[in-house]
Amino acid sequence: MKLKVVICGSYHRDPNGLKRIFRELEANGCRILSPLSLDFDNSEYVVRSKSEQEFTALELEKYHLRAIEEADFLWLHAPSGYIGISTSFKLGYSLAINKPIFSYIVPNDEMLKGYIQVAGSVFEAVDTIS
């Protein structure tokens, strides 16, 4: 059975790092519930894939929260330790429903860094959950 994962974090910062995470999760047999693709239209504050253009920011957030509920774990993309408000919201929700959160990078936020499991690789995170 494939592990299900949601990638959350900054989609604007370090797009190459985000692509690397996406590919590594797929290569390790994970089913990525959100985002479904990295084909983003970055023209606005809210990052939407081209297939999500008709959704409001609230509808997108509800979709991400539903995906988090279904996920086995989250992968945090926190370039240079950056975590924005929307990501903080998702992390709080994830913690409230006991979803493990992994990242390559320790968040800058003193409080949040205590909740993130730093992994050297996606394989390490997957091995921890399996």
Protein backbone atom coordinates (compact mmCIF):
# COMPACT_ATOMS: atom_id res chain seq x y z
CA MET A 1 0.00 0.00 0.00
CA LYS A 2 1.36 3.41 -0.98
CA LEU A 3 1.87 5.94 1.78
CA LYS A 4 -0.11 9.13 1.21
CA VAL A 5 1.57 12.48 1.69
CA VAL A 6 0.83 16.20 1.48
CA ILE A 7 3.58 18.66 0.65
CA CYS A 8 3.10 21.95 2.44
CA GLY A 9 5.25 25.02 2.68
CA SER A 10 6.40 27.79 0.45
CA TYR A 11 5.63 27.04 -3.18
CA HIS A 12 7.08 30.45 -4.23
CA ARG A 13 10.53 29.98 -2.72
CA ASP A 14 12.97 27.43 -4.11
CA PRO A 15 10.80 25.87 -6.83
CA ASN A 16 13.67 23.55 -7.81
CA GLY A 17 13.81 22.19 -4.26
CA LEU A 18 10.05 21.67 -4.34
CA LYS A 19 10.35 19.74 -7.61
CA ARG A 20 13.08 17.59 -6.07
CA ILE A 21 10.88 16.74 -3.09
CA PHE A 22 7.95 15.92 -5.39
CA ARG A 23 10.10 13.57 -7.50
CA GLU A 24 11.69 11.91 -4.47
CA LEU A 25 8.32 11.23 -2.86
CA GLU A 26 7.05 9.69 -6.09
CA ALA A 27 10.26 7.66 -6.50
CA ASN A 28 9.79 6.27 -2.99
CA GLY A 29 6.31 5.03 -3.89
CA CYS A 30 4.31 7.75 -2.15
CA ARG A 31 0.97 8.99 -3.41
CA ILE A 32 1.01 12.79 -3.28
CA LEU A 33 -2.46 14.04 -2.36
CA SER A 34 -1.61 17.74 -2.54
CA PRO A 35 -0.41 19.45 -4.59
CA LEU A 36 -1.50 17.22 -7.44
CA SER A 37 1.00 18.86 -9.78
CA LEU A 38 3.61 21.58 -9.75
CA ASP A 39 2.18 23.28 -12.81
CA PHE A 40 1.51 26.51 -10.90
CA ASP A 41 0.25 29.88 -11.97
CA ASN A 42 2.29 32.05 -9.61
CA SER A 43 0.78 35.35 -10.69
CA GLU A 44 -1.11 35.84 -7.41
CA TYR A 45 -0.44 35.58 -3.69
CA VAL A 46 -2.32 32.26 -3.56
CA VAL A 47 -0.49 29.61 -5.56
CA ARG A 48 -2.85 27.63 -7.75
CA SER A 49 -2.23 24.94 -10.30
CA LYS A 50 -3.71 25.66 -13.68
CA SER A 51 -6.53 23.19 -12.94
CA GLU A 52 -7.42 25.07 -9.70
CA GLN A 53 -7.97 28.54 -11.16
CA GLU A 54 -11.71 28.54 -10.45
CA PHE A 55 -11.26 27.87 -6.72
CA THR A 56 -11.19 30.59 -4.08
CA ALA A 57 -8.39 30.71 -1.50
CA LEU A 58 -10.81 29.30 1.10
CA GLU A 59 -11.83 26.41 -1.17
CA LEU A 60 -8.17 25.60 -1.83
CA GLU A 61 -7.41 25.63 1.89
CA LYS A 62 -10.35 23.30 2.60
CA TYR A 63 -9.04 20.93 -0.07
CA HIS A 64 -5.56 20.93 1.50
CA LEU A 65 -7.01 20.26 4.97
CA ARG A 66 -9.06 17.35 3.63
CA ALA A 67 -5.93 15.98 1.96
CA ILE A 68 -4.05 16.29 5.26
CA GLU A 69 -6.78 14.25 6.97
CA GLU A 70 -6.27 11.46 4.42
CA ALA A 71 -2.46 11.64 4.44
CA ASP A 72 -0.15 9.37 6.38
CA PHE A 73 2.35 12.21 6.80
CA LEU A 74 3.31 15.71 5.68
CA TRP A 75 6.48 16.86 4.02
CA LEU A 76 7.36 20.46 4.86
CA HIS A 77 9.13 22.50 2.20
CA ALA A 78 10.76 25.26 4.24
CA PRO A 79 13.48 26.91 2.14
CA SER A 80 16.07 28.52 4.43
CA GLY A 81 13.77 27.61 7.35
CA TYR A 82 10.96 29.90 6.14
CA ILE A 83 7.39 29.07 7.19
CA GLY A 84 4.55 31.40 6.26
CA ILE A 85 1.17 31.94 7.88
CA SER A 86 -0.73 29.50 5.65
CA THR A 87 1.86 26.81 6.29
CA SER A 88 1.71 27.45 10.04
CA PHE A 89 -2.05 26.96 9.86
CA LYS A 90 -1.63 23.61 8.08
CA LEU A 91 1.08 22.48 10.48
CA GLY A 92 -1.14 23.27 13.47
CA TYR A 93 -4.00 21.32 11.92
CA SER A 94 -1.69 18.40 11.16
CA LEU A 95 -0.42 18.31 14.71
CA ALA A 96 -3.96 18.46 16.09
CA ILE A 97 -4.83 15.28 14.18
CA ASN A 98 -1.50 13.58 14.95
CA LYS A 99 0.09 13.56 11.51
CA PRO A 100 3.88 13.26 11.48
CA ILE A 101 5.69 16.11 9.75
CA PHE A 102 9.07 15.72 8.07
CA SER A 103 11.41 18.21 6.44
CA TYR A 104 14.96 18.47 5.16
CA ILE A 105 15.35 21.83 6.87
CA VAL A 106 14.75 22.90 10.46
CA PRO A 107 12.20 25.74 10.58
CA ASN A 108 13.37 29.13 11.83
CA ASP A 109 10.44 29.39 14.24
CA GLU A 110 11.59 28.28 17.71
CA MET A 111 8.26 26.74 18.70
CA LEU A 112 7.52 24.95 15.41
CA LYS A 113 10.97 23.42 15.10
CA GLY A 114 10.13 21.19 18.06
CA TYR A 115 7.34 19.55 16.08
CA ILE A 116 9.16 18.88 12.81
CA GLN A 117 11.16 15.69 12.30
CA VAL A 118 14.23 16.53 10.24
CA ALA A 119 14.98 13.71 7.80
CA GLY A 120 18.11 13.23 5.76
CA SER A 121 16.05 11.71 2.97
CA VAL A 122 12.52 10.89 1.91
CA PHE A 123 13.46 7.22 2.28
CA GLU A 124 14.32 7.83 5.94
CA ALA A 125 10.92 9.44 6.57
CA VAL A 126 9.05 6.67 4.72
CA ASP A 127 11.02 4.04 6.66
CA THR A 128 10.07 5.74 9.94
CA ILE A 129 6.35 5.57 9.10
CA SER A 130 6.27 2.10 7.57
